[in-house]
Protein backbone atom coordinates (compact mmCIF):
# COMPACT_ATOMS: atom_id res chain seq x y z
CA MET A 1 -89.65 20.93 46.50
CA SER A 2 -91.10 24.41 46.76
CA ALA A 3 -89.64 27.32 44.84
CA GLU A 4 -88.82 29.13 48.09
CA LYS A 5 -86.82 26.18 49.42
CA SER A 6 -85.08 25.78 46.06
CA VAL A 7 -83.97 29.42 46.12
CA GLY A 8 -82.78 29.06 49.73
CA ASN A 9 -80.85 25.92 48.81
CA ALA A 10 -79.19 27.70 45.86
CA LEU A 11 -78.26 30.63 48.09
CA ASP A 12 -76.79 28.22 50.64
CA TRP A 13 -74.64 26.65 47.93
CA LEU A 14 -73.52 30.11 46.86
CA LYS A 15 -72.65 31.02 50.45
CA TRP A 16 -70.69 27.77 50.93
CA SER A 17 -68.85 28.54 47.67
CA VAL A 18 -67.93 31.94 49.08
CA VAL A 19 -66.73 30.28 52.31
CA THR A 20 -64.62 27.81 50.32
CA ALA A 21 -63.20 30.59 48.15
CA LEU A 22 -62.32 32.65 51.22
CA LEU A 23 -60.55 29.75 52.92
CA VAL A 24 -58.67 28.72 49.77
CA GLY A 25 -57.78 32.37 49.16
CA GLY A 26 -56.48 32.66 52.71
CA VAL A 27 -54.27 29.59 52.36
CA VAL A 28 -52.97 30.65 48.95
CA GLY A 29 -52.43 34.21 50.17
CA ASN A 30 -50.51 32.93 53.18
CA TRP A 31 -48.30 30.90 50.87
CA TYR A 32 -47.90 33.74 48.32
CA PHE A 33 -46.95 36.29 50.97
CA ALA A 34 -44.56 33.95 52.80
CA GLU A 35 -41.95 36.73 52.91
CA ALA A 36 -44.32 39.06 54.79
CA SER A 37 -44.32 39.35 58.56
CA LEU A 38 -45.78 36.34 60.37
CA LEU A 39 -47.91 38.63 62.54
CA VAL A 40 -49.50 40.26 59.48
CA ARG A 41 -50.20 36.88 57.88
CA VAL A 42 -51.76 35.50 61.09
CA ILE A 43 -53.98 38.57 61.49
CA ALA A 44 -55.03 38.31 57.84
CA LEU A 45 -55.82 34.59 58.20
CA LEU A 46 -57.84 35.24 61.35
CA ALA A 47 -59.78 37.99 59.58
CA VAL A 48 -60.51 35.70 56.62
CA ALA A 49 -61.57 32.90 58.99
CA VAL A 50 -63.95 35.23 60.86
CA VAL A 51 -65.53 36.45 57.62
CA ALA A 52 -65.85 32.84 56.39
CA ALA A 53 -67.46 31.82 59.69
CA VAL A 54 -69.94 34.71 59.53
CA VAL A 55 -70.92 33.73 55.98
CA ALA A 56 -71.16 30.05 56.96
CA VAL A 57 -73.48 30.80 59.90
CA GLN A 58 -75.87 32.50 57.46
CA THR A 59 -76.64 29.12 55.86
CA GLU A 60 -79.16 26.58 57.14
CA ARG A 61 -76.49 24.03 58.00
CA GLY A 62 -74.32 26.74 59.58
CA ARG A 63 -77.18 27.82 61.84
CA SER A 64 -77.76 24.22 62.93
CA ILE A 65 -74.05 23.76 63.67
CA TRP A 66 -74.01 27.01 65.65
CA SER A 67 -77.06 25.83 67.60
CA LEU A 68 -75.32 22.53 68.34
CA ILE A 69 -72.23 24.38 69.60
CA LYS A 70 -74.35 26.53 71.93
CA GLU A 71 -76.19 23.48 73.28
CA ALA A 72 -72.91 21.63 73.82
CA ARG A 73 -71.56 24.61 75.75
CA THR A 74 -74.66 24.56 77.95
CA GLU A 75 -74.20 20.83 78.60
CA VAL A 76 -70.54 21.30 79.52
CA ARG A 77 -71.58 23.88 82.12
CA ARG A 78 -73.91 21.30 83.69
CA VAL A 79 -71.19 18.70 84.13
CA VAL A 80 -70.11 18.06 87.70
CA TRP A 81 -66.33 18.01 87.48
CA PRO A 82 -64.30 15.96 89.98
CA THR A 83 -62.43 17.74 92.74
CA ASN A 84 -58.66 17.96 92.77
CA GLN A 85 -58.46 15.25 95.42
CA GLU A 86 -60.73 12.88 93.46
CA THR A 87 -58.67 13.41 90.32
CA THR A 88 -55.42 12.72 92.17
CA GLN A 89 -56.79 9.59 93.83
CA THR A 90 -58.18 8.22 90.58
CA THR A 91 -54.89 8.91 88.80
CA LEU A 92 -52.94 7.09 91.51
CA VAL A 93 -55.28 4.08 91.34
CA VAL A 94 -54.86 3.91 87.56
CA LEU A 95 -51.06 4.16 87.86
CA VAL A 96 -50.95 1.37 90.46
CA ILE A 97 -53.14 -0.89 88.33
CA VAL A 98 -50.98 -0.23 85.27
CA LEU A 99 -47.85 -1.03 87.31
CA VAL A 100 -49.37 -4.28 88.63
CA PHE A 101 -50.39 -5.41 85.15
CA ALA A 102 -46.98 -4.43 83.76
CA LEU A 103 -45.33 -6.62 86.40
CA ILE A 104 -47.71 -9.51 85.63
CA LEU A 105 -46.98 -9.23 81.90
CA TRP A 106 -43.23 -8.98 82.58
CA GLY A 107 -43.43 -12.12 84.71
CA LEU A 108 -45.38 -14.02 82.05
CA ASP A 109 -42.96 -12.88 79.36
CA SER A 110 -39.98 -13.97 81.44
CA LEU A 111 -41.59 -17.36 82.18
CA LEU A 112 -42.46 -17.98 78.55
CA SER A 113 -38.97 -16.89 77.45
CA TRP A 114 -37.43 -19.31 79.95
CA ILE A 115 -39.68 -22.16 78.77
CA VAL A 116 -38.94 -21.49 75.09
CA SER A 117 -35.18 -21.20 75.71
CA SER A 118 -35.29 -24.47 77.70
CA ILE A 119 -36.99 -26.26 74.82
CA ILE A 120 -34.86 -24.74 72.05
CA GLY A 121 -31.66 -25.01 74.01
């Protein structure tokens, strides 16, 4: 391992430690200041989360995760979503099939119950 990569790895661990400390501090602070206004606590937690996210993105793993999120967003934009009519029709088909299978299972259950009660008495 080169010295440059070793230093980068150590800095990444330090940054992840800072992220962990920020998140733990936010949770503990939220608990400690439970009597404070909910709005103030939510704003403080959001601020801590944003700072933690900014620090996390500065790491190698954070950059790769951010890249993955951007690529996933691009892929979601490429998806051809069904129309309202297609969604409704598919939902109705699924509901009908579920109803048919429920009736079949109810019939089998009733038949088996009748057979067992006939045998047992």
